[in-house]
Amino acid sequence: MPRPKKDAVSLNIKLATEVSNMLEEYCKETGQPKTTAIERILDAAFKDYFSQPEGKRIPK
């Protein structure tokens, strides 16, 4: 029985070569697919950002 599909949206982006290389290395070391790694990294960044009061939310 196949897994149910998750609710998702496709995203097509261009990354700086240096960032792409770091992502590749991170995925090799952790054994995570790029999608999972990026979802987790973005989730952590957004939780940190939105945990700050609205007036103090300034991207770094």
PDB file of N, CA and C in Angstrom:
ATOM      1  N   MET A   1       0.847  -1.177   0.000  1.00  0.00           N
ATOM      2  CA  MET A   1       0.000   0.000   0.000  1.00  0.00           C
ATOM      3  C   MET A   1       0.894   1.243   0.000  1.00  0.00           C
ATOM      4  N   PRO A   2       0.713   2.146  -0.964  1.00  0.00           N
ATOM      5  CA  PRO A   2       1.561   3.341  -1.052  1.00  0.00           C
ATOM      6  C   PRO A   2       1.247   4.332   0.069  1.00  0.00           C
ATOM      7  N   ARG A   3       2.274   5.118   0.398  1.00  0.00           N
ATOM      8  CA  ARG A   3       2.080   6.168   1.398  1.00  0.00           C
ATOM      9  C   ARG A   3       1.166   7.240   0.830  1.00  0.00           C
ATOM     10  N   PRO A   4       0.347   7.851   1.690  1.00  0.00           N
ATOM     11  CA  PRO A   4      -0.476   8.967   1.191  1.00  0.00           C
ATOM     12  C   PRO A   4       0.421  10.149   0.834  1.00  0.00           C
ATOM     13  N   LYS A   5       0.045  10.856  -0.211  1.00  0.00           N
ATOM     14  CA  LYS A   5       0.834  12.016  -0.625  1.00  0.00           C
ATOM     15  C   LYS A   5       0.659  13.142   0.382  1.00  0.00           C
ATOM     16  N   LYS A   6       1.769  13.835   0.672  1.00  0.00           N
ATOM     17  CA  LYS A   6       1.673  14.954   1.599  1.00  0.00           C
ATOM     18  C   LYS A   6       1.230  16.198   0.851  1.00  0.00           C
ATOM     19  N   ASP A   7       0.592  17.068   1.589  1.00  0.00           N
ATOM     20  CA  ASP A   7       0.170  18.343   1.024  1.00  0.00           C
ATOM     21  C   ASP A   7       1.432  19.151   0.758  1.00  0.00           C
ATOM     22  N   ALA A   8       1.695  19.491  -0.472  1.00  0.00           N
ATOM     23  CA  ALA A   8       2.953  20.147  -0.823  1.00  0.00           C
ATOM     24  C   ALA A   8       2.765  21.092  -2.004  1.00  0.00           C
ATOM     25  N   VAL A   9       3.720  22.008  -2.120  1.00  0.00           N
ATOM     26  CA  VAL A   9       3.774  22.959  -3.227  1.00  0.00           C
ATOM     27  C   VAL A   9       5.168  22.858  -3.831  1.00  0.00           C
ATOM     28  N   SER A  10       5.264  22.819  -5.143  1.00  0.00           N
ATOM     29  CA  SER A  10       6.567  22.779  -5.803  1.00  0.00           C
ATOM     30  C   SER A  10       7.226  24.144  -5.741  1.00  0.00           C
ATOM     31  N   LEU A  11       8.557  24.138  -5.631  1.00  0.00           N
ATOM     32  CA  LEU A  11       9.321  25.368  -5.563  1.00  0.00           C
ATOM     33  C   LEU A  11      10.547  25.212  -6.459  1.00  0.00           C
ATOM     34  N   ASN A  12      10.727  26.140  -7.363  1.00  0.00           N
ATOM     35  CA  ASN A  12      11.858  26.104  -8.275  1.00  0.00           C
ATOM     36  C   ASN A  12      12.692  27.351  -8.014  1.00  0.00           C
ATOM     37  N   ILE A  13      13.925  27.157  -7.522  1.00  0.00           N
ATOM     38  CA  ILE A  13      14.760  28.302  -7.175  1.00  0.00           C
ATOM     39  C   ILE A  13      16.174  28.135  -7.727  1.00  0.00           C
ATOM     40  N   LYS A  14      16.887  29.241  -7.796  1.00  0.00           N
ATOM     41  CA  LYS A  14      18.309  29.220  -8.124  1.00  0.00           C
ATOM     42  C   LYS A  14      19.059  29.537  -6.846  1.00  0.00           C
ATOM     43  N   LEU A  15      20.007  28.695  -6.499  1.00  0.00           N
ATOM     44  CA  LEU A  15      20.840  28.909  -5.323  1.00  0.00           C
ATOM     45  C   LEU A  15      22.225  29.340  -5.749  1.00  0.00           C
ATOM     46  N   ALA A  16      22.847  30.146  -4.929  1.00  0.00           N
ATOM     47  CA  ALA A  16      24.248  30.470  -5.161  1.00  0.00           C
ATOM     48  C   ALA A  16      25.031  29.162  -5.111  1.00  0.00           C
ATOM     49  N   THR A  17      26.042  29.043  -5.931  1.00  0.00           N
ATOM     50  CA  THR A  17      26.824  27.811  -6.015  1.00  0.00           C
ATOM     51  C   THR A  17      27.362  27.398  -4.654  1.00  0.00           C
ATOM     52  N   GLU A  18      27.852  28.345  -3.880  1.00  0.00           N
ATOM     53  CA  GLU A  18      28.403  28.046  -2.559  1.00  0.00           C
ATOM     54  C   GLU A  18      27.335  27.446  -1.639  1.00  0.00           C
ATOM     55  N   VAL A  19      26.130  28.001  -1.674  1.00  0.00           N
ATOM     56  CA  VAL A  19      25.036  27.487  -0.845  1.00  0.00           C
ATOM     57  C   VAL A  19      24.632  26.098  -1.322  1.00  0.00           C
ATOM     58  N   SER A  20      24.563  25.908  -2.621  1.00  0.00           N
ATOM     59  CA  SER A  20      24.225  24.605  -3.180  1.00  0.00           C
ATOM     60  C   SER A  20      25.253  23.546  -2.785  1.00  0.00           C
ATOM     61  N   ASN A  21      26.518  23.913  -2.817  1.00  0.00           N
ATOM     62  CA  ASN A  21      27.576  22.982  -2.417  1.00  0.00           C
ATOM     63  C   ASN A  21      27.457  22.613  -0.944  1.00  0.00           C
ATOM     64  N   MET A  22      27.145  23.602  -0.099  1.00  0.00           N
ATOM     65  CA  MET A  22      26.962  23.318   1.323  1.00  0.00           C
ATOM     66  C   MET A  22      25.759  22.401   1.548  1.00  0.00           C
ATOM     67  N   LEU A  23      24.683  22.623   0.797  1.00  0.00           N
ATOM     68  CA  LEU A  23      23.499  21.769   0.901  1.00  0.00           C
ATOM     69  C   LEU A  23      23.832  20.338   0.496  1.00  0.00           C
ATOM     70  N   GLU A  24      24.559  20.191  -0.598  1.00  0.00           N
ATOM     71  CA  GLU A  24      24.977  18.859  -1.055  1.00  0.00           C
ATOM     72  C   GLU A  24      25.777  18.128   0.028  1.00  0.00           C
ATOM     73  N   GLU A  25      26.750  18.833   0.607  1.00  0.00           N
ATOM     74  CA  GLU A  25      27.592  18.241   1.653  1.00  0.00           C
ATOM     75  C   GLU A  25      26.759  17.882   2.877  1.00  0.00           C
ATOM     76  N   TYR A  26      25.864  18.777   3.264  1.00  0.00           N
ATOM     77  CA  TYR A  26      24.978  18.537   4.411  1.00  0.00           C
ATOM     78  C   TYR A  26      24.135  17.280   4.182  1.00  0.00           C
ATOM     79  N   CYS A  27      23.578  17.152   2.997  1.00  0.00           N
ATOM     80  CA  CYS A  27      22.740  15.996   2.679  1.00  0.00           C
ATOM     81  C   CYS A  27      23.557  14.697   2.665  1.00  0.00           C
ATOM     82  N   LYS A  28      24.780  14.757   2.162  1.00  0.00           N
ATOM     83  CA  LYS A  28      25.646  13.573   2.175  1.00  0.00           C
ATOM     84  C   LYS A  28      25.938  13.148   3.606  1.00  0.00           C
ATOM     85  N   GLU A  29      26.260  14.131   4.463  1.00  0.00           N
ATOM     86  CA  GLU A  29      26.618  13.828   5.848  1.00  0.00           C
ATOM     87  C   GLU A  29      25.437  13.339   6.673  1.00  0.00           C
ATOM     88  N   THR A  30      24.258  13.901   6.430  1.00  0.00           N
ATOM     89  CA  THR A  30      23.093  13.546   7.241  1.00  0.00           C
ATOM     90  C   THR A  30      22.262  12.425   6.640  1.00  0.00           C
ATOM     91  N   GLY A  31      22.470  12.150   5.347  1.00  0.00           N
ATOM     92  CA  GLY A  31      21.686  11.116   4.681  1.00  0.00           C
ATOM     93  C   GLY A  31      20.265  11.553   4.359  1.00  0.00           C
ATOM     94  N   GLN A  32      20.010  12.842   4.442  1.00  0.00           N
ATOM     95  CA  GLN A  32      18.675  13.366   4.149  1.00  0.00           C
ATOM     96  C   GLN A  32      18.557  13.753   2.676  1.00  0.00           C
ATOM     97  N   PRO A  33      17.376  13.551   2.101  1.00  0.00           N
ATOM     98  CA  PRO A  33      17.142  14.094   0.765  1.00  0.00           C
ATOM     99  C   PRO A  33      17.124  15.628   0.849  1.00  0.00           C
ATOM    100  N   LYS A  34      17.385  16.284  -0.258  1.00  0.00           N
ATOM    101  CA  LYS A  34      17.418  17.748  -0.262  1.00  0.00           C
ATOM    102  C   LYS A  34      16.095  18.346   0.208  1.00  0.00           C
ATOM    103  N   THR A  35      14.981  17.776  -0.228  1.00  0.00           N
ATOM    104  CA  THR A  35      13.672  18.310   0.161  1.00  0.00           C
ATOM    105  C   THR A  35      13.510  18.294   1.675  1.00  0.00           C
ATOM    106  N   THR A  36      13.822  17.174   2.298  1.00  0.00           N
ATOM    107  CA  THR A  36      13.692  17.057   3.751  1.00  0.00           C
ATOM    108  C   THR A  36      14.622  18.033   4.453  1.00  0.00           C
ATOM    109  N   ALA A  37      15.867  18.118   3.989  1.00  0.00           N
ATOM    110  CA  ALA A  37      16.837  19.012   4.609  1.00  0.00           C
ATOM    111  C   ALA A  37      16.361  20.464   4.516  1.00  0.00           C
ATOM    112  N   ILE A  38      15.921  20.873   3.355  1.00  0.00           N
ATOM    113  CA  ILE A  38      15.482  22.256   3.171  1.00  0.00           C
ATOM    114  C   ILE A  38      14.234  22.542   3.991  1.00  0.00           C
ATOM    115  N   GLU A  39      13.284  21.603   4.025  1.00  0.00           N
ATOM    116  CA  GLU A  39      12.085  21.797   4.848  1.00  0.00           C
ATOM    117  C   GLU A  39      12.455  21.979   6.314  1.00  0.00           C
ATOM    118  N   ARG A  40      13.353  21.188   6.823  1.00  0.00           N
ATOM    119  CA  ARG A  40      13.751  21.279   8.236  1.00  0.00           C
ATOM    120  C   ARG A  40      14.519  22.555   8.523  1.00  0.00           C
ATOM    121  N   ILE A  41      15.410  22.937   7.626  1.00  0.00           N
ATOM    122  CA  ILE A  41      16.181  24.164   7.810  1.00  0.00           C
ATOM    123  C   ILE A  41      15.253  25.381   7.782  1.00  0.00           C
ATOM    124  N   LEU A  42      14.349  25.447   6.813  1.00  0.00           N
ATOM    125  CA  LEU A  42      13.414  26.565   6.732  1.00  0.00           C
ATOM    126  C   LEU A  42      12.469  26.590   7.924  1.00  0.00           C
ATOM    127  N   ASP A  43      11.996  25.422   8.349  1.00  0.00           N
ATOM    128  CA  ASP A  43      11.101  25.339   9.497  1.00  0.00           C
ATOM    129  C   ASP A  43      11.779  25.928  10.739  1.00  0.00           C
ATOM    130  N   ALA A  44      13.029  25.553  10.978  1.00  0.00           N
ATOM    131  CA  ALA A  44      13.766  26.067  12.138  1.00  0.00           C
ATOM    132  C   ALA A  44      13.959  27.585  12.027  1.00  0.00           C
ATOM    133  N   ALA A  45      14.301  28.072  10.838  1.00  0.00           N
ATOM    134  CA  ALA A  45      14.515  29.514  10.644  1.00  0.00           C
ATOM    135  C   ALA A  45      13.217  30.289  10.853  1.00  0.00           C
ATOM    136  N   PHE A  46      12.106  29.772  10.328  1.00  0.00           N
ATOM    137  CA  PHE A  46      10.827  30.472  10.482  1.00  0.00           C
ATOM    138  C   PHE A  46      10.334  30.432  11.921  1.00  0.00           C
ATOM    139  N   LYS A  47      10.523  29.329  12.624  1.00  0.00           N
ATOM    140  CA  LYS A  47      10.127  29.261  14.035  1.00  0.00           C
ATOM    141  C   LYS A  47      10.903  30.285  14.844  1.00  0.00           C
ATOM    142  N   ASP A  48      12.196  30.410  14.568  1.00  0.00           N
ATOM    143  CA  ASP A  48      13.019  31.402  15.248  1.00  0.00           C
ATOM    144  C   ASP A  48      12.531  32.815  14.929  1.00  0.00           C
ATOM    145  N   TYR A  49      12.291  33.079  13.672  1.00  0.00           N
ATOM    146  CA  TYR A  49      11.847  34.409  13.231  1.00  0.00           C
ATOM    147  C   TYR A  49      10.502  34.779  13.853  1.00  0.00           C
ATOM    148  N   PHE A  50       9.529  33.883  13.770  1.00  0.00           N
ATOM    149  CA  PHE A  50       8.187  34.193  14.245  1.00  0.00           C
ATOM    150  C   PHE A  50       8.056  34.106  15.762  1.00  0.00           C
ATOM    151  N   SER A  51       9.071  33.609  16.449  1.00  0.00           N
ATOM    152  CA  SER A  51       9.030  33.589  17.911  1.00  0.00           C
ATOM    153  C   SER A  51       9.362  34.966  18.491  1.00  0.00           C
ATOM    154  N   GLN A  52       9.876  35.854  17.648  1.00  0.00           N
ATOM    155  CA  GLN A  52      10.205  37.213  18.075  1.00  0.00           C
ATOM    156  C   GLN A  52       8.961  38.099  17.976  1.00  0.00           C
ATOM    157  N   PRO A  53       8.861  39.100  18.850  1.00  0.00           N
ATOM    158  CA  PRO A  53       7.728  40.030  18.749  1.00  0.00           C
ATOM    159  C   PRO A  53       7.743  40.720  17.379  1.00  0.00           C
ATOM    160  N   GLU A  54       6.559  41.081  16.893  1.00  0.00           N
ATOM    161  CA  GLU A  54       6.451  41.656  15.536  1.00  0.00           C
ATOM    162  C   GLU A  54       7.364  42.848  15.297  1.00  0.00           C
ATOM    163  N   GLY A  55       7.496  43.731  16.253  1.00  0.00           N
ATOM    164  CA  GLY A  55       8.316  44.923  16.072  1.00  0.00           C
ATOM    165  C   GLY A  55       9.806  44.631  16.006  1.00  0.00           C
ATOM    166  N   LYS A  56      10.218  43.441  16.420  1.00  0.00           N
ATOM    167  CA  LYS A  56      11.633  43.093  16.449  1.00  0.00           C
ATOM    168  C   LYS A  56      12.019  42.112  15.347  1.00  0.00           C
ATOM    169  N   ARG A  57      11.101  41.786  14.471  1.00  0.00           N
ATOM    170  CA  ARG A  57      11.361  40.824  13.392  1.00  0.00           C
ATOM    171  C   ARG A  57      12.121  41.501  12.254  1.00  0.00           C
ATOM    172  N   ILE A  58      13.407  41.440  12.336  1.00  0.00           N
ATOM    173  CA  ILE A  58      14.241  42.003  11.287  1.00  0.00           C
ATOM    174  C   ILE A  58      15.128  40.881  10.762  1.00  0.00           C
ATOM    175  N   PRO A  59      14.977  40.511   9.487  1.00  0.00           N
ATOM    176  CA  PRO A  59      15.805  39.453   8.929  1.00  0.00           C
ATOM    177  C   PRO A  59      17.291  39.783   9.052  1.00  0.00           C
ATOM    178  N   LYS A  60      18.086  38.771   9.310  1.00  0.00           N
ATOM    179  CA  LYS A  60      19.535  38.960   9.464  1.00  0.00           C
ATOM    180  C   LYS A  60      20.213  38.909   8.128  1.00  0.00           C
TER     181      LYS A  60
END
